[in-house]
Amino acid sequence: VDQACGLMEKTGGNDLLTLRDRAILETLYSCGLRISELTGLDVGGVDLDQRLVRVMGKGRKERIVPLGRKALAALEAYLHERGNPPPDAPLFLNYRGERLTPRSIQRHMKKHLIQAGIFSPATPHTLRHSFATHLLVEGGADLRAIQELLGHASLSTTQKYTQVGIDHLMAVYDKAHPRGRRKK
């Protein structure tokens, strides 16, 4: 989570491509999207006023996910710089004006990681994992809510995304169980 936030903080600049890349990273992390879901977004799929994103997930299942404040600001800046494109236009474009591909997003992310001095093998999917872990560990969200946000059909898939350390499990146990280890 710290690396994800560090990466986004270090993605500086105000040119269109930098604004686009910042919006991509913030949206991936804020919404927990699959890379294919992100590349499939159109401008009309993002409701900036309601702070919601309409996502077409696996199996052509649609879901609505909230958009965090930093992702909202990044998307507003990017779309403003693009000249407020029509609703049916792809949300993220390459320099030729075409829809970005998952591979191109992976390349851009790797470039930004190196520029930020982060030499871990992070990918866009790592941001999806960070999203789920952050909600569970730091936010206290329940697995069922995370399942809905991630668009998983099975709760067992969500559990794989949210592996937590024994220290966190013990803290939850001690806080919640009436016969936990805590002293009164």
N, C-alpha and C. Protein backbone atom coordinates (compact mmCIF):
# COMPACT_ATOMS: atom_id res chain seq x y z
N VAL A 1 0.83 -1.18 0.00
CA VAL A 1 0.00 0.00 0.00
C VAL A 1 0.88 1.25 0.00
N ASP A 2 1.92 1.23 0.83
CA ASP A 2 2.82 2.38 0.87
C ASP A 2 3.48 2.62 -0.48
N GLN A 3 3.89 1.54 -1.14
CA GLN A 3 4.52 1.70 -2.46
C GLN A 3 3.52 2.22 -3.47
N ALA A 4 2.29 1.76 -3.41
CA ALA A 4 1.27 2.22 -4.34
C ALA A 4 1.05 3.72 -4.17
N CYS A 5 0.92 4.16 -2.93
CA CYS A 5 0.72 5.58 -2.67
C CYS A 5 1.95 6.39 -3.06
N GLY A 6 3.13 5.86 -2.78
CA GLY A 6 4.37 6.53 -3.16
C GLY A 6 4.48 6.70 -4.65
N LEU A 7 4.10 5.69 -5.38
CA LEU A 7 4.16 5.77 -6.84
C LEU A 7 3.25 6.87 -7.35
N MET A 8 2.05 6.94 -6.82
CA MET A 8 1.10 7.94 -7.31
C MET A 8 1.52 9.36 -6.93
N GLU A 9 2.14 9.49 -5.77
CA GLU A 9 2.61 10.81 -5.34
C GLU A 9 3.76 11.30 -6.23
N LYS A 10 4.56 10.37 -6.73
CA LYS A 10 5.73 10.74 -7.52
C LYS A 10 5.45 10.87 -9.02
N THR A 11 4.20 10.62 -9.43
CA THR A 11 3.84 10.77 -10.84
C THR A 11 3.47 12.23 -11.03
N GLY A 12 4.49 13.08 -11.24
CA GLY A 12 4.29 14.52 -11.34
C GLY A 12 4.18 15.00 -12.77
N GLY A 13 3.81 16.25 -12.92
CA GLY A 13 3.69 16.87 -14.23
C GLY A 13 2.25 17.15 -14.58
N ASN A 14 2.07 18.02 -15.57
CA ASN A 14 0.71 18.41 -15.95
C ASN A 14 0.44 18.26 -17.45
N ASP A 15 1.33 17.60 -18.18
CA ASP A 15 1.04 17.36 -19.58
C ASP A 15 -0.01 16.26 -19.69
N LEU A 16 -0.63 16.13 -20.84
CA LEU A 16 -1.76 15.21 -21.01
C LEU A 16 -1.40 13.77 -20.67
N LEU A 17 -0.25 13.29 -21.12
CA LEU A 17 0.11 11.89 -20.88
C LEU A 17 0.40 11.63 -19.40
N THR A 18 1.00 12.58 -18.73
CA THR A 18 1.26 12.41 -17.29
C THR A 18 -0.06 12.45 -16.51
N LEU A 19 -0.95 13.37 -16.89
CA LEU A 19 -2.25 13.43 -16.25
C LEU A 19 -3.02 12.13 -16.48
N ARG A 20 -2.91 11.59 -17.70
CA ARG A 20 -3.56 10.32 -18.01
C ARG A 20 -3.01 9.20 -17.13
N ASP A 21 -1.68 9.11 -17.05
CA ASP A 21 -1.07 8.03 -16.27
C ASP A 21 -1.41 8.14 -14.79
N ARG A 22 -1.44 9.35 -14.27
CA ARG A 22 -1.83 9.54 -12.86
C ARG A 22 -3.28 9.11 -12.67
N ALA A 23 -4.15 9.48 -13.60
CA ALA A 23 -5.56 9.09 -13.51
C ALA A 23 -5.71 7.57 -13.59
N ILE A 24 -4.92 6.93 -14.42
CA ILE A 24 -4.95 5.47 -14.53
C ILE A 24 -4.57 4.82 -13.20
N LEU A 25 -3.43 5.24 -12.65
CA LEU A 25 -2.95 4.65 -11.39
C LEU A 25 -3.94 4.89 -10.25
N GLU A 26 -4.43 6.12 -10.16
CA GLU A 26 -5.38 6.44 -9.09
C GLU A 26 -6.68 5.65 -9.24
N THR A 27 -7.16 5.50 -10.47
CA THR A 27 -8.40 4.78 -10.70
C THR A 27 -8.24 3.29 -10.42
N LEU A 28 -7.10 2.71 -10.85
CA LEU A 28 -6.85 1.30 -10.55
C LEU A 28 -6.86 1.06 -9.04
N TYR A 29 -6.17 1.91 -8.31
CA TYR A 29 -6.05 1.74 -6.87
C TYR A 29 -7.36 2.10 -6.14
N SER A 30 -8.01 3.17 -6.56
CA SER A 30 -9.22 3.63 -5.90
C SER A 30 -10.39 2.68 -6.09
N CYS A 31 -10.47 2.05 -7.26
CA CYS A 31 -11.63 1.23 -7.61
C CYS A 31 -11.36 -0.27 -7.58
N GLY A 32 -10.09 -0.66 -7.51
CA GLY A 32 -9.77 -2.09 -7.50
C GLY A 32 -10.09 -2.79 -8.80
N LEU A 33 -9.95 -2.08 -9.90
CA LEU A 33 -10.33 -2.62 -11.21
C LEU A 33 -9.31 -3.61 -11.76
N ARG A 34 -9.81 -4.54 -12.56
CA ARG A 34 -8.94 -5.36 -13.40
C ARG A 34 -8.45 -4.45 -14.52
N ILE A 35 -7.28 -4.75 -15.06
CA ILE A 35 -6.74 -3.91 -16.12
C ILE A 35 -7.66 -3.92 -17.34
N SER A 36 -8.28 -5.06 -17.64
CA SER A 36 -9.19 -5.13 -18.79
C SER A 36 -10.43 -4.27 -18.56
N GLU A 37 -10.87 -4.16 -17.31
CA GLU A 37 -12.02 -3.32 -16.98
C GLU A 37 -11.66 -1.85 -17.19
N LEU A 38 -10.45 -1.48 -16.79
CA LEU A 38 -10.00 -0.10 -16.95
C LEU A 38 -9.90 0.27 -18.42
N THR A 39 -9.28 -0.60 -19.23
CA THR A 39 -9.12 -0.28 -20.65
C THR A 39 -10.45 -0.28 -21.38
N GLY A 40 -11.44 -0.96 -20.84
CA GLY A 40 -12.76 -0.98 -21.47
C GLY A 40 -13.66 0.19 -21.10
N LEU A 41 -13.22 1.05 -20.19
CA LEU A 41 -14.05 2.17 -19.76
C LEU A 41 -14.20 3.23 -20.85
N ASP A 42 -15.41 3.74 -20.96
CA ASP A 42 -15.67 4.91 -21.79
C ASP A 42 -15.89 6.10 -20.87
N VAL A 43 -15.81 7.29 -21.43
CA VAL A 43 -15.98 8.51 -20.64
C VAL A 43 -17.33 8.49 -19.91
N GLY A 44 -18.37 8.03 -20.59
CA GLY A 44 -19.71 7.99 -19.99
C GLY A 44 -19.85 6.99 -18.86
N GLY A 45 -18.88 6.09 -18.70
CA GLY A 45 -18.92 5.12 -17.61
C GLY A 45 -18.47 5.69 -16.29
N VAL A 46 -18.00 6.93 -16.31
CA VAL A 46 -17.53 7.59 -15.09
C VAL A 46 -18.46 8.75 -14.78
N ASP A 47 -19.08 8.69 -13.62
CA ASP A 47 -19.96 9.77 -13.18
C ASP A 47 -19.21 10.57 -12.12
N LEU A 48 -18.61 11.68 -12.56
CA LEU A 48 -17.79 12.48 -11.65
C LEU A 48 -18.64 13.15 -10.57
N ASP A 49 -19.88 13.51 -10.90
CA ASP A 49 -20.74 14.16 -9.91
C ASP A 49 -21.12 13.20 -8.78
N GLN A 50 -21.44 11.97 -9.13
CA GLN A 50 -21.83 10.97 -8.14
C GLN A 50 -20.64 10.21 -7.57
N ARG A 51 -19.45 10.42 -8.17
CA ARG A 51 -18.22 9.72 -7.78
C ARG A 51 -18.37 8.20 -7.89
N LEU A 52 -18.86 7.78 -9.06
CA LEU A 52 -19.08 6.36 -9.34
C LEU A 52 -18.52 5.98 -10.70
N VAL A 53 -18.13 4.71 -10.81
CA VAL A 53 -17.66 4.16 -12.08
C VAL A 53 -18.50 2.94 -12.40
N ARG A 54 -19.03 2.90 -13.62
CA ARG A 54 -19.79 1.74 -14.09
C ARG A 54 -18.83 0.83 -14.85
N VAL A 55 -18.63 -0.37 -14.33
CA VAL A 55 -17.61 -1.29 -14.83
C VAL A 55 -18.27 -2.51 -15.45
N MET A 56 -17.75 -2.93 -16.60
CA MET A 56 -18.18 -4.18 -17.21
C MET A 56 -17.13 -5.21 -16.84
N GLY A 57 -17.50 -6.13 -15.95
CA GLY A 57 -16.55 -7.11 -15.44
C GLY A 57 -16.55 -8.40 -16.24
N LYS A 58 -15.94 -9.40 -15.64
CA LYS A 58 -15.90 -10.72 -16.27
C LYS A 58 -17.31 -11.24 -16.47
N GLY A 59 -17.50 -11.98 -17.56
CA GLY A 59 -18.82 -12.53 -17.84
C GLY A 59 -19.84 -11.47 -18.22
N ARG A 60 -19.36 -10.30 -18.64
CA ARG A 60 -20.21 -9.18 -19.04
C ARG A 60 -21.16 -8.74 -17.91
N LYS A 61 -20.68 -8.92 -16.66
CA LYS A 61 -21.47 -8.48 -15.51
C LYS A 61 -21.10 -7.04 -15.19
N GLU A 62 -22.12 -6.21 -15.08
CA GLU A 62 -21.89 -4.80 -14.77
C GLU A 62 -21.94 -4.60 -13.26
N ARG A 63 -21.07 -3.73 -12.77
CA ARG A 63 -21.12 -3.35 -11.36
C ARG A 63 -20.77 -1.86 -11.25
N ILE A 64 -21.17 -1.29 -10.16
CA ILE A 64 -20.91 0.12 -9.87
C ILE A 64 -19.93 0.16 -8.70
N VAL A 65 -18.84 0.92 -8.86
CA VAL A 65 -17.86 1.05 -7.78
C VAL A 65 -17.65 2.53 -7.47
N PRO A 66 -17.41 2.85 -6.20
CA PRO A 66 -17.14 4.24 -5.83
C PRO A 66 -15.78 4.70 -6.32
N LEU A 67 -15.67 5.99 -6.51
CA LEU A 67 -14.44 6.62 -6.98
C LEU A 67 -13.90 7.49 -5.85
N GLY A 68 -12.69 7.21 -5.39
CA GLY A 68 -12.08 7.97 -4.31
C GLY A 68 -11.75 9.40 -4.70
N ARG A 69 -11.53 10.25 -3.71
CA ARG A 69 -11.32 11.68 -3.97
C ARG A 69 -10.09 11.96 -4.82
N LYS A 70 -8.98 11.22 -4.59
CA LYS A 70 -7.77 11.48 -5.38
C LYS A 70 -7.94 11.00 -6.82
N ALA A 71 -8.63 9.89 -7.00
CA ALA A 71 -8.91 9.42 -8.35
C ALA A 71 -9.85 10.40 -9.05
N LEU A 72 -10.83 10.91 -8.32
CA LEU A 72 -11.75 11.89 -8.88
C LEU A 72 -10.99 13.12 -9.37
N ALA A 73 -10.11 13.65 -8.53
CA ALA A 73 -9.33 14.83 -8.91
C ALA A 73 -8.43 14.53 -10.12
N ALA A 74 -7.82 13.36 -10.13
CA ALA A 74 -6.94 13.00 -11.26
C ALA A 74 -7.74 12.86 -12.55
N LEU A 75 -8.91 12.24 -12.48
CA LEU A 75 -9.75 12.09 -13.67
C LEU A 75 -10.28 13.45 -14.16
N GLU A 76 -10.68 14.31 -13.23
CA GLU A 76 -11.15 15.64 -13.62
C GLU A 76 -10.06 16.42 -14.35
N ALA A 77 -8.84 16.37 -13.82
CA ALA A 77 -7.72 17.09 -14.45
C ALA A 77 -7.43 16.52 -15.84
N TYR A 78 -7.41 15.21 -15.94
CA TYR A 78 -7.14 14.55 -17.22
C TYR A 78 -8.22 14.86 -18.25
N LEU A 79 -9.49 14.72 -17.87
CA LEU A 79 -10.58 14.97 -18.81
C LEU A 79 -10.66 16.44 -19.21
N HIS A 80 -10.36 17.34 -18.28
CA HIS A 80 -10.31 18.77 -18.60
C HIS A 80 -9.24 19.03 -19.66
N GLU A 81 -8.07 18.44 -19.46
CA GLU A 81 -6.97 18.62 -20.41
C GLU A 81 -7.32 18.01 -21.78
N ARG A 82 -8.11 16.95 -21.78
CA ARG A 82 -8.55 16.32 -23.04
C ARG A 82 -9.65 17.11 -23.72
N GLY A 83 -10.18 18.12 -23.07
CA GLY A 83 -11.24 18.92 -23.69
C GLY A 83 -12.62 18.34 -23.50
N ASN A 84 -12.83 17.63 -22.40
CA ASN A 84 -14.13 17.04 -22.06
C ASN A 84 -14.72 16.27 -23.24
N PRO A 85 -14.17 15.09 -23.51
CA PRO A 85 -14.61 14.27 -24.65
C PRO A 85 -16.04 13.75 -24.49
N PRO A 86 -16.65 13.29 -25.59
CA PRO A 86 -18.03 12.78 -25.53
C PRO A 86 -18.13 11.49 -24.72
N PRO A 87 -19.33 11.17 -24.22
CA PRO A 87 -19.52 10.00 -23.35
C PRO A 87 -19.14 8.67 -23.99
N ASP A 88 -19.26 8.55 -25.32
CA ASP A 88 -18.97 7.26 -25.96
C ASP A 88 -17.50 7.10 -26.34
N ALA A 89 -16.67 8.09 -26.01
CA ALA A 89 -15.24 8.00 -26.31
C ALA A 89 -14.53 7.13 -25.28
N PRO A 90 -13.49 6.40 -25.69
CA PRO A 90 -12.70 5.64 -24.70
C PRO A 90 -12.15 6.60 -23.64
N LEU A 91 -12.12 6.15 -22.41
CA LEU A 91 -11.64 7.02 -21.33
C LEU A 91 -10.14 7.27 -21.45
N PHE A 92 -9.37 6.22 -21.67
CA PHE A 92 -7.92 6.37 -21.71
C PHE A 92 -7.39 6.09 -23.11
N LEU A 93 -6.70 7.10 -23.65
CA LEU A 93 -6.20 7.02 -25.03
C LEU A 93 -4.68 7.01 -25.06
N ASN A 94 -4.13 6.39 -26.12
CA ASN A 94 -2.69 6.49 -26.35
C ASN A 94 -2.40 7.78 -27.12
N TYR A 95 -1.15 8.01 -27.45
CA TYR A 95 -0.77 9.26 -28.11
C TYR A 95 -1.35 9.36 -29.52
N ARG A 96 -1.82 8.25 -30.10
CA ARG A 96 -2.44 8.28 -31.42
C ARG A 96 -3.96 8.47 -31.33
N GLY A 97 -4.48 8.62 -30.12
CA GLY A 97 -5.91 8.82 -29.96
C GLY A 97 -6.72 7.54 -29.95
N GLU A 98 -6.04 6.40 -29.75
CA GLU A 98 -6.71 5.10 -29.71
C GLU A 98 -6.82 4.62 -28.26
N ARG A 99 -7.75 3.71 -28.03
CA ARG A 99 -7.94 3.13 -26.70
C ARG A 99 -6.63 2.45 -26.26
N LEU A 100 -6.23 2.70 -25.02
CA LEU A 100 -5.04 2.04 -24.47
C LEU A 100 -5.28 0.54 -24.34
N THR A 101 -4.23 -0.23 -24.48
CA THR A 101 -4.30 -1.68 -24.28
C THR A 101 -3.78 -2.02 -22.89
N PRO A 102 -4.15 -3.19 -22.38
CA PRO A 102 -3.58 -3.61 -21.09
C PRO A 102 -2.05 -3.61 -21.10
N ARG A 103 -1.45 -4.08 -22.17
CA ARG A 103 0.02 -4.14 -22.23
C ARG A 103 0.64 -2.75 -22.16
N SER A 104 0.04 -1.78 -22.83
CA SER A 104 0.61 -0.43 -22.79
C SER A 104 0.52 0.16 -21.38
N ILE A 105 -0.55 -0.14 -20.66
CA ILE A 105 -0.66 0.34 -19.28
C ILE A 105 0.41 -0.31 -18.41
N GLN A 106 0.66 -1.59 -18.62
CA GLN A 106 1.71 -2.27 -17.87
C GLN A 106 3.07 -1.62 -18.13
N ARG A 107 3.35 -1.29 -19.38
CA ARG A 107 4.63 -0.63 -19.71
C ARG A 107 4.75 0.73 -19.06
N HIS A 108 3.67 1.52 -19.11
CA HIS A 108 3.70 2.86 -18.49
C HIS A 108 3.90 2.76 -16.98
N MET A 109 3.25 1.78 -16.36
CA MET A 109 3.40 1.61 -14.91
C MET A 109 4.83 1.24 -14.57
N LYS A 110 5.42 0.34 -15.33
CA LYS A 110 6.80 -0.05 -15.07
C LYS A 110 7.73 1.15 -15.19
N LYS A 111 7.49 1.98 -16.20
CA LYS A 111 8.31 3.20 -16.39
C LYS A 111 8.19 4.12 -15.17
N HIS A 112 6.97 4.32 -14.68
CA HIS A 112 6.77 5.19 -13.52
C HIS A 112 7.38 4.60 -12.25
N LEU A 113 7.32 3.29 -12.10
CA LEU A 113 7.96 2.65 -10.95
C LEU A 113 9.46 2.92 -10.94
N ILE A 114 10.09 2.75 -12.07
CA ILE A 114 11.53 2.97 -12.18
C ILE A 114 11.85 4.44 -11.89
N GLN A 115 11.06 5.35 -12.47
CA GLN A 115 11.28 6.79 -12.24
C GLN A 115 11.11 7.17 -10.77
N ALA A 116 10.23 6.45 -10.08
CA ALA A 116 9.99 6.73 -8.66
C ALA A 116 10.99 6.03 -7.75
N GLY A 117 11.90 5.25 -8.35
CA GLY A 117 12.89 4.54 -7.56
C GLY A 117 12.33 3.31 -6.85
N ILE A 118 11.24 2.78 -7.37
CA ILE A 118 10.62 1.57 -6.80
C ILE A 118 10.97 0.42 -7.72
N PHE A 119 11.75 -0.52 -7.20
CA PHE A 119 12.25 -1.60 -8.04
C PHE A 119 11.62 -2.94 -7.66
N SER A 120 10.35 -2.91 -7.37
CA SER A 120 9.63 -4.15 -7.09
C SER A 120 8.86 -4.55 -8.34
N PRO A 121 8.51 -5.80 -8.44
CA PRO A 121 7.80 -6.26 -9.65
C PRO A 121 6.30 -5.94 -9.59
N ALA A 122 5.94 -4.71 -9.26
CA ALA A 122 4.53 -4.33 -9.16
C ALA A 122 3.91 -4.22 -10.54
N THR A 123 2.63 -4.54 -10.60
CA THR A 123 1.87 -4.49 -11.85
C THR A 123 0.53 -3.80 -11.56
N PRO A 124 -0.26 -3.51 -12.58
CA PRO A 124 -1.61 -3.00 -12.31
C PRO A 124 -2.42 -3.93 -11.40
N HIS A 125 -2.19 -5.23 -11.53
CA HIS A 125 -2.91 -6.17 -10.68
C HIS A 125 -2.48 -6.05 -9.22
N THR A 126 -1.25 -5.61 -8.98
CA THR A 126 -0.77 -5.37 -7.63
C THR A 126 -1.61 -4.28 -6.96
N LEU A 127 -2.01 -3.27 -7.75
CA LEU A 127 -2.85 -2.20 -7.20
C LEU A 127 -4.23 -2.75 -6.81
N ARG A 128 -4.72 -3.71 -7.56
CA ARG A 128 -6.00 -4.36 -7.22
C ARG A 128 -5.87 -5.11 -5.89
N HIS A 129 -4.76 -5.82 -5.72
CA HIS A 129 -4.51 -6.51 -4.45
C HIS A 129 -4.37 -5.51 -3.31
N SER A 130 -3.65 -4.41 -3.55
CA SER A 130 -3.47 -3.38 -2.53
C SER A 130 -4.81 -2.79 -2.12
N PHE A 131 -5.67 -2.56 -3.10
CA PHE A 131 -7.01 -2.05 -2.84
C PHE A 131 -7.75 -2.96 -1.85
N ALA A 132 -7.78 -4.25 -2.15
CA ALA A 132 -8.50 -5.21 -1.31
C ALA A 132 -7.87 -5.31 0.08
N THR A 133 -6.56 -5.39 0.14
CA THR A 133 -5.86 -5.51 1.42
C THR A 133 -6.08 -4.27 2.27
N HIS A 134 -6.00 -3.10 1.64
CA HIS A 134 -6.19 -1.85 2.36
C HIS A 134 -7.60 -1.79 2.96
N LEU A 135 -8.61 -2.16 2.19
CA LEU A 135 -9.98 -2.15 2.70
C LEU A 135 -10.15 -3.10 3.88
N LEU A 136 -9.54 -4.26 3.78
CA LEU A 136 -9.71 -5.27 4.83
C LEU A 136 -8.90 -4.93 6.07
N VAL A 137 -7.62 -4.71 5.90
CA VAL A 137 -6.72 -4.55 7.04
C VAL A 137 -6.84 -3.17 7.68
N GLU A 138 -6.76 -2.13 6.87
CA GLU A 138 -6.78 -0.79 7.44
C GLU A 138 -8.18 -0.22 7.57
N GLY A 139 -9.08 -0.65 6.69
CA GLY A 139 -10.43 -0.10 6.70
C GLY A 139 -11.44 -0.92 7.46
N GLY A 140 -11.11 -2.19 7.72
CA GLY A 140 -12.03 -3.04 8.46
C GLY A 140 -13.25 -3.49 7.68
N ALA A 141 -13.20 -3.40 6.34
CA ALA A 141 -14.34 -3.83 5.53
C ALA A 141 -14.52 -5.34 5.62
N ASP A 142 -15.75 -5.80 5.43
CA ASP A 142 -15.96 -7.25 5.48
C ASP A 142 -15.72 -7.85 4.09
N LEU A 143 -15.44 -9.13 4.07
CA LEU A 143 -15.10 -9.83 2.83
C LEU A 143 -16.21 -9.75 1.80
N ARG A 144 -17.45 -9.80 2.24
CA ARG A 144 -18.58 -9.77 1.29
C ARG A 144 -18.62 -8.44 0.54
N ALA A 145 -18.36 -7.34 1.22
CA ALA A 145 -18.34 -6.02 0.56
C ALA A 145 -17.18 -5.95 -0.42
N ILE A 146 -16.02 -6.46 -0.02
CA ILE A 146 -14.86 -6.46 -0.91
C ILE A 146 -15.14 -7.33 -2.13
N GLN A 147 -15.82 -8.45 -1.93
CA GLN A 147 -16.19 -9.32 -3.04
C GLN A 147 -17.01 -8.55 -4.08
N GLU A 148 -17.98 -7.79 -3.61
CA GLU A 148 -18.82 -7.00 -4.52
C GLU A 148 -18.00 -5.94 -5.26
N LEU A 149 -17.14 -5.26 -4.53
CA LEU A 149 -16.33 -4.20 -5.14
C LEU A 149 -15.38 -4.76 -6.20
N LEU A 150 -14.83 -5.95 -5.94
CA LEU A 150 -13.90 -6.56 -6.90
C LEU A 150 -14.62 -7.27 -8.04
N GLY A 151 -15.90 -7.52 -7.89
CA GLY A 151 -16.65 -8.21 -8.93
C GLY A 151 -16.39 -9.70 -8.98
N HIS A 152 -16.13 -10.30 -7.82
CA HIS A 152 -15.89 -11.74 -7.76
C HIS A 152 -17.21 -12.49 -7.61
N ALA A 153 -17.34 -13.58 -8.34
CA ALA A 153 -18.52 -14.43 -8.20
C ALA A 153 -18.42 -15.27 -6.93
N SER A 154 -17.20 -15.63 -6.56
CA SER A 154 -16.98 -16.52 -5.42
C SER A 154 -16.21 -15.81 -4.31
N LEU A 155 -16.66 -16.00 -3.08
CA LEU A 155 -15.97 -15.41 -1.93
C LEU A 155 -14.57 -16.01 -1.76
N SER A 156 -14.38 -17.26 -2.17
CA SER A 156 -13.06 -17.89 -2.03
C SER A 156 -12.03 -17.16 -2.89
N THR A 157 -12.43 -16.60 -4.02
CA THR A 157 -11.51 -15.82 -4.86
C THR A 157 -11.09 -14.56 -4.11
N THR A 158 -12.05 -13.91 -3.47
CA THR A 158 -11.75 -12.69 -2.71
C THR A 158 -10.78 -12.98 -1.57
N GLN A 159 -10.94 -14.12 -0.93
CA GLN A 159 -10.06 -14.47 0.19
C GLN A 159 -8.61 -14.55 -0.25
N LYS A 160 -8.35 -14.97 -1.48
CA LYS A 160 -6.97 -15.04 -1.98
C LYS A 160 -6.35 -13.65 -2.10
N TYR A 161 -7.19 -12.65 -2.35
CA TYR A 161 -6.71 -11.28 -2.50
C TYR A 161 -6.41 -10.63 -1.16
N THR A 162 -6.93 -11.19 -0.11
CA THR A 162 -6.89 -10.50 1.17
C THR A 162 -6.13 -11.29 2.22
N GLN A 163 -5.04 -11.90 1.83
CA GLN A 163 -4.21 -12.61 2.81
C GLN A 163 -3.65 -11.60 3.79
N VAL A 164 -3.85 -11.85 5.06
CA VAL A 164 -3.38 -10.93 6.09
C VAL A 164 -2.42 -11.66 7.02
N GLY A 165 -1.59 -10.89 7.66
CA GLY A 165 -0.60 -11.45 8.57
C GLY A 165 -1.21 -11.90 9.88
N ILE A 166 -0.48 -12.75 10.58
CA ILE A 166 -0.95 -13.29 11.86
C ILE A 166 -1.12 -12.18 12.90
N ASP A 167 -0.29 -11.14 12.84
CA ASP A 167 -0.42 -10.04 13.80
C ASP A 167 -1.79 -9.37 13.68
N HIS A 168 -2.22 -9.15 12.44
CA HIS A 168 -3.53 -8.53 12.24
C HIS A 168 -4.64 -9.46 12.72
N LEU A 169 -4.52 -10.74 12.39
CA LEU A 169 -5.53 -11.70 12.83
C LEU A 169 -5.63 -11.75 14.35
N MET A 170 -4.50 -11.72 15.02
CA MET A 170 -4.51 -11.75 16.48
C MET A 170 -5.12 -10.47 17.06
N ALA A 171 -4.84 -9.34 16.45
CA ALA A 171 -5.41 -8.08 16.92
C ALA A 171 -6.93 -8.09 16.77
N VAL A 172 -7.41 -8.59 15.64
CA VAL A 172 -8.86 -8.68 15.42
C VAL A 172 -9.48 -9.62 16.45
N TYR A 173 -8.85 -10.75 16.65
CA TYR A 173 -9.34 -11.73 17.62
C TYR A 173 -9.40 -11.11 19.02
N ASP A 174 -8.31 -10.49 19.42
CA ASP A 174 -8.25 -9.91 20.76
C ASP A 174 -9.30 -8.83 20.96
N LYS A 175 -9.54 -8.07 19.93
CA LYS A 175 -10.51 -6.98 20.03
C LYS A 175 -11.95 -7.50 20.03
N ALA A 176 -12.23 -8.52 19.24
CA ALA A 176 -13.61 -8.93 19.01
C ALA A 176 -14.08 -10.11 19.86
N HIS A 177 -13.19 -10.99 20.22
CA HIS A 177 -13.63 -12.20 20.92
C HIS A 177 -13.73 -11.94 22.42
N PRO A 178 -14.83 -12.37 23.04
CA PRO A 178 -15.00 -12.09 24.48
C PRO A 178 -13.95 -12.76 25.35
N ARG A 179 -13.32 -13.79 24.88
CA ARG A 179 -12.28 -14.45 25.66
C ARG A 179 -10.91 -14.31 25.00
N GLY A 180 -10.74 -13.19 24.33
CA GLY A 180 -9.45 -12.90 23.68
C GLY A 180 -8.35 -12.72 24.72
N ARG A 181 -7.15 -12.49 24.24
CA ARG A 181 -5.99 -12.40 25.12
C ARG A 181 -5.88 -11.07 25.86
N ARG A 182 -6.67 -10.09 25.47
CA ARG A 182 -6.51 -8.77 26.08
C ARG A 182 -6.89 -8.80 27.56
N LYS A 183 -6.26 -7.96 28.33
CA LYS A 183 -6.57 -7.87 29.76
C LYS A 183 -7.51 -6.71 29.98
N LYS A 184 -8.40 -6.89 30.94
CA LYS A 184 -9.36 -5.82 31.23
C LYS A 184 -8.93 -5.02 32.41
